[in-house]
Amino acid sequence: MDYYYSTFIQYGEGNYFSIWNHYYEDDSDPDNYIWVDEYYLVKLDGAGNELWKQRLTGENPDAYWVEKMLLLEDGRILLSDTDGLSLYDAEGSRTGEVKLQKGIDSYSLFQAGDGKIVLRYYSPESGKDY
């Protein structure tokens, strides 16, 4: 069983949001292959203690992953994941989503000075970044 934290973002007085990925594979028995790959949105205090953990999932839980995380000015969290863009409040509750066109792999999320969200993405069909 392995796990790792990625994409640490500081929030407030020494707290952090992070993506925690837990995965496990056991192929010792060909008739009972086991694969677990789970993602969590985690809030940590400045000492690294877990304050809460919210499991993340998508339309296809067996093929779900998180690409990017952005902390918005109002304290909400925007994730770029396999389903598109998912919005969470500061306590880990999902509050919204934006579905992206199929075939778009998102690369970067930015919040412009005027508060607008900018998504840079790659389209395998055209071979271009947008």
C-alpha atoms as a PDB file:
ATOM      1  CA  MET A   1       0.000   0.000   0.000  1.00  0.00           C
ATOM      2  CA  ASP A   2       1.502   3.311  -1.087  1.00  0.00           C
ATOM      3  CA  TYR A   3       0.395   6.903  -0.822  1.00  0.00           C
ATOM      4  CA  TYR A   4       1.706  10.362  -1.500  1.00  0.00           C
ATOM      5  CA  TYR A   5       0.713  13.994  -1.099  1.00  0.00           C
ATOM      6  CA  SER A   6       0.873  16.365  -4.035  1.00  0.00           C
ATOM      7  CA  THR A   7       0.010  19.969  -4.811  1.00  0.00           C
ATOM      8  CA  PHE A   8       0.337  21.697  -1.441  1.00  0.00           C
ATOM      9  CA  ILE A   9      -1.370  25.095  -1.245  1.00  0.00           C
ATOM     10  CA  GLN A  10      -1.122  27.310   1.852  1.00  0.00           C
ATOM     11  CA  TYR A  11      -4.424  28.571   3.233  1.00  0.00           C
ATOM     12  CA  GLY A  12      -4.926  30.993   6.116  1.00  0.00           C
ATOM     13  CA  GLU A  13      -2.667  30.888   9.153  1.00  0.00           C
ATOM     14  CA  GLY A  14      -0.365  27.977   8.360  1.00  0.00           C
ATOM     15  CA  ASN A  15      -2.993  25.543   7.078  1.00  0.00           C
ATOM     16  CA  TYR A  16      -2.582  23.676   3.806  1.00  0.00           C
ATOM     17  CA  PHE A  17      -4.748  21.937   1.258  1.00  0.00           C
ATOM     18  CA  SER A  18      -3.280  18.961  -0.557  1.00  0.00           C
ATOM     19  CA  ILE A  19      -4.233  16.077  -2.800  1.00  0.00           C
ATOM     20  CA  TRP A  20      -3.544  12.679  -1.216  1.00  0.00           C
ATOM     21  CA  ASN A  21      -3.343   9.643  -3.482  1.00  0.00           C
ATOM     22  CA  HIS A  22      -3.642   6.148  -2.001  1.00  0.00           C
ATOM     23  CA  TYR A  23      -2.953   3.202  -4.262  1.00  0.00           C
ATOM     24  CA  TYR A  24      -2.495  -0.515  -3.886  1.00  0.00           C
ATOM     25  CA  GLU A  25      -2.005  -3.372  -6.329  1.00  0.00           C
ATOM     26  CA  ASP A  26      -1.951  -7.113  -5.634  1.00  0.00           C
ATOM     27  CA  ASP A  27      -1.545  -9.415  -8.615  1.00  0.00           C
ATOM     28  CA  SER A  28      -0.290 -12.417  -6.637  1.00  0.00           C
ATOM     29  CA  ASP A  29      -3.517 -14.321  -7.428  1.00  0.00           C
ATOM     30  CA  PRO A  30      -4.436 -14.054 -11.145  1.00  0.00           C
ATOM     31  CA  ASP A  31      -8.043 -14.947 -10.355  1.00  0.00           C
ATOM     32  CA  ASN A  32      -8.338 -12.210  -7.732  1.00  0.00           C
ATOM     33  CA  TYR A  33      -6.497  -9.167  -9.072  1.00  0.00           C
ATOM     34  CA  ILE A  34      -6.814  -6.146  -6.767  1.00  0.00           C
ATOM     35  CA  TRP A  35      -6.240  -2.525  -7.766  1.00  0.00           C
ATOM     36  CA  VAL A  36      -7.150   0.415  -5.535  1.00  0.00           C
ATOM     37  CA  ASP A  37      -6.414   4.004  -6.584  1.00  0.00           C
ATOM     38  CA  GLU A  38      -8.159   6.666  -4.493  1.00  0.00           C
ATOM     39  CA  TYR A  39      -7.761  10.433  -4.310  1.00  0.00           C
ATOM     40  CA  TYR A  40      -8.574  12.670  -1.353  1.00  0.00           C
ATOM     41  CA  LEU A  41      -8.713  16.415  -0.766  1.00  0.00           C
ATOM     42  CA  VAL A  42      -6.947  16.954   2.572  1.00  0.00           C
ATOM     43  CA  LYS A  43      -6.631  19.930   4.905  1.00  0.00           C
ATOM     44  CA  LEU A  44      -3.504  19.937   7.093  1.00  0.00           C
ATOM     45  CA  ASP A  45      -2.360  22.245   9.862  1.00  0.00           C
ATOM     46  CA  GLY A  46       1.105  23.814   9.841  1.00  0.00           C
ATOM     47  CA  ALA A  47       2.578  20.802  11.678  1.00  0.00           C
ATOM     48  CA  GLY A  48       1.237  18.380   9.045  1.00  0.00           C
ATOM     49  CA  ASN A  49      -1.634  17.048  11.167  1.00  0.00           C
ATOM     50  CA  GLU A  50      -4.717  16.092   9.191  1.00  0.00           C
ATOM     51  CA  LEU A  51      -7.717  18.315   9.977  1.00  0.00           C
ATOM     52  CA  TRP A  52     -10.053  16.562   7.545  1.00  0.00           C
ATOM     53  CA  LYS A  53      -9.962  14.355   4.451  1.00  0.00           C
ATOM     54  CA  GLN A  54     -12.619  14.184   1.717  1.00  0.00           C
ATOM     55  CA  ARG A  55     -12.607  11.328  -0.806  1.00  0.00           C
ATOM     56  CA  LEU A  56     -12.738  12.487  -4.412  1.00  0.00           C
ATOM     57  CA  THR A  57     -14.340  10.465  -7.157  1.00  0.00           C
ATOM     58  CA  GLY A  58     -15.679  10.874 -10.661  1.00  0.00           C
ATOM     59  CA  GLU A  59     -18.028   9.281 -13.134  1.00  0.00           C
ATOM     60  CA  ASN A  60     -15.624   6.355 -13.530  1.00  0.00           C
ATOM     61  CA  PRO A  61     -14.033   5.719 -10.112  1.00  0.00           C
ATOM     62  CA  ASP A  62     -11.636   3.132 -11.589  1.00  0.00           C
ATOM     63  CA  ALA A  63     -10.126   5.715 -13.945  1.00  0.00           C
ATOM     64  CA  TYR A  64     -10.212   8.904 -11.849  1.00  0.00           C
ATOM     65  CA  TRP A  65      -7.308  11.242 -11.161  1.00  0.00           C
ATOM     66  CA  VAL A  66      -6.660  14.860 -10.241  1.00  0.00           C
ATOM     67  CA  GLU A  67      -4.504  16.993 -12.523  1.00  0.00           C
ATOM     68  CA  LYS A  68      -4.348  20.411 -10.822  1.00  0.00           C
ATOM     69  CA  MET A  69      -5.637  22.277  -7.785  1.00  0.00           C
ATOM     70  CA  LEU A  70      -6.199  26.028  -7.460  1.00  0.00           C
ATOM     71  CA  LEU A  71      -7.176  27.957  -4.343  1.00  0.00           C
ATOM     72  CA  LEU A  72      -9.548  30.751  -5.334  1.00  0.00           C
ATOM     73  CA  GLU A  73      -9.501  34.195  -3.730  1.00  0.00           C
ATOM     74  CA  ASP A  74     -12.756  33.462  -1.874  1.00  0.00           C
ATOM     75  CA  GLY A  75     -11.279  30.318  -0.232  1.00  0.00           C
ATOM     76  CA  ARG A  76     -12.920  27.753  -2.505  1.00  0.00           C
ATOM     77  CA  ILE A  77     -10.862  25.021  -4.147  1.00  0.00           C
ATOM     78  CA  LEU A  78     -10.975  24.310  -7.877  1.00  0.00           C
ATOM     79  CA  LEU A  79      -9.763  20.916  -9.087  1.00  0.00           C
ATOM     80  CA  SER A  80      -9.010  19.877 -12.632  1.00  0.00           C
ATOM     81  CA  ASP A  81      -9.847  16.169 -12.709  1.00  0.00           C
ATOM     82  CA  THR A  82     -10.847  13.468 -15.168  1.00  0.00           C
ATOM     83  CA  ASP A  83     -14.436  14.739 -15.264  1.00  0.00           C
ATOM     84  CA  GLY A  84     -13.580  18.404 -15.885  1.00  0.00           C
ATOM     85  CA  LEU A  85     -13.470  21.082 -13.188  1.00  0.00           C
ATOM     86  CA  SER A  86     -14.805  20.432  -9.684  1.00  0.00           C
ATOM     87  CA  LEU A  87     -15.402  23.125  -7.072  1.00  0.00           C
ATOM     88  CA  TYR A  88     -15.162  22.513  -3.293  1.00  0.00           C
ATOM     89  CA  ASP A  89     -15.728  24.771  -0.315  1.00  0.00           C
ATOM     90  CA  ALA A  90     -13.065  25.273   2.389  1.00  0.00           C
ATOM     91  CA  GLU A  91     -14.525  22.337   4.375  1.00  0.00           C
ATOM     92  CA  GLY A  92     -14.233  19.834   1.514  1.00  0.00           C
ATOM     93  CA  SER A  93     -17.856  19.754   0.328  1.00  0.00           C
ATOM     94  CA  ARG A  94     -18.353  19.633  -3.434  1.00  0.00           C
ATOM     95  CA  THR A  95     -20.302  22.697  -4.513  1.00  0.00           C
ATOM     96  CA  GLY A  96     -20.179  22.606  -8.292  1.00  0.00           C
ATOM     97  CA  GLU A  97     -18.654  21.291 -11.483  1.00  0.00           C
ATOM     98  CA  VAL A  98     -17.968  22.235 -15.083  1.00  0.00           C
ATOM     99  CA  LYS A  99     -17.911  19.419 -17.625  1.00  0.00           C
ATOM    100  CA  LEU A 100     -15.280  19.786 -20.322  1.00  0.00           C
ATOM    101  CA  GLN A 101     -15.491  18.575 -23.898  1.00  0.00           C
ATOM    102  CA  LYS A 102     -14.373  14.942 -24.226  1.00  0.00           C
ATOM    103  CA  GLY A 103     -10.769  14.560 -25.309  1.00  0.00           C
ATOM    104  CA  ILE A 104      -9.478  17.626 -23.464  1.00  0.00           C
ATOM    105  CA  ASP A 105      -6.572  17.039 -21.111  1.00  0.00           C
ATOM    106  CA  SER A 106      -6.241  20.063 -18.819  1.00  0.00           C
ATOM    107  CA  TYR A 107      -2.767  21.225 -17.960  1.00  0.00           C
ATOM    108  CA  SER A 108      -2.907  24.494 -16.040  1.00  0.00           C
ATOM    109  CA  LEU A 109      -5.371  26.547 -14.048  1.00  0.00           C
ATOM    110  CA  PHE A 110      -4.879  30.224 -13.252  1.00  0.00           C
ATOM    111  CA  GLN A 111      -6.933  32.924 -11.595  1.00  0.00           C
ATOM    112  CA  ALA A 112      -6.502  36.238 -13.394  1.00  0.00           C
ATOM    113  CA  GLY A 113      -6.366  39.553 -11.565  1.00  0.00           C
ATOM    114  CA  ASP A 114     -10.028  40.205 -12.404  1.00  0.00           C
ATOM    115  CA  GLY A 115     -11.042  36.908 -10.734  1.00  0.00           C
ATOM    116  CA  LYS A 116     -11.665  34.989 -13.974  1.00  0.00           C
ATOM    117  CA  ILE A 117     -10.420  31.417 -14.215  1.00  0.00           C
ATOM    118  CA  VAL A 118      -8.119  30.581 -17.125  1.00  0.00           C
ATOM    119  CA  LEU A 119      -7.710  26.970 -18.232  1.00  0.00           C
ATOM    120  CA  ARG A 120      -4.847  26.049 -20.540  1.00  0.00           C
ATOM    121  CA  TYR A 121      -5.425  22.666 -22.141  1.00  0.00           C
ATOM    122  CA  TYR A 122      -4.093  20.291 -24.754  1.00  0.00           C
ATOM    123  CA  SER A 123      -6.284  18.719 -27.432  1.00  0.00           C
ATOM    124  CA  PRO A 124      -4.964  15.359 -28.676  1.00  0.00           C
ATOM    125  CA  GLU A 125      -7.206  15.666 -31.761  1.00  0.00           C
ATOM    126  CA  SER A 126      -5.591  18.883 -32.991  1.00  0.00           C
ATOM    127  CA  GLY A 127      -2.226  18.374 -31.303  1.00  0.00           C
ATOM    128  CA  LYS A 128      -2.371  21.951 -29.983  1.00  0.00           C
ATOM    129  CA  ASP A 129      -2.489  23.806 -26.690  1.00  0.00           C
ATOM    130  CA  TYR A 130      -5.319  26.260 -26.109  1.00  0.00           C
END
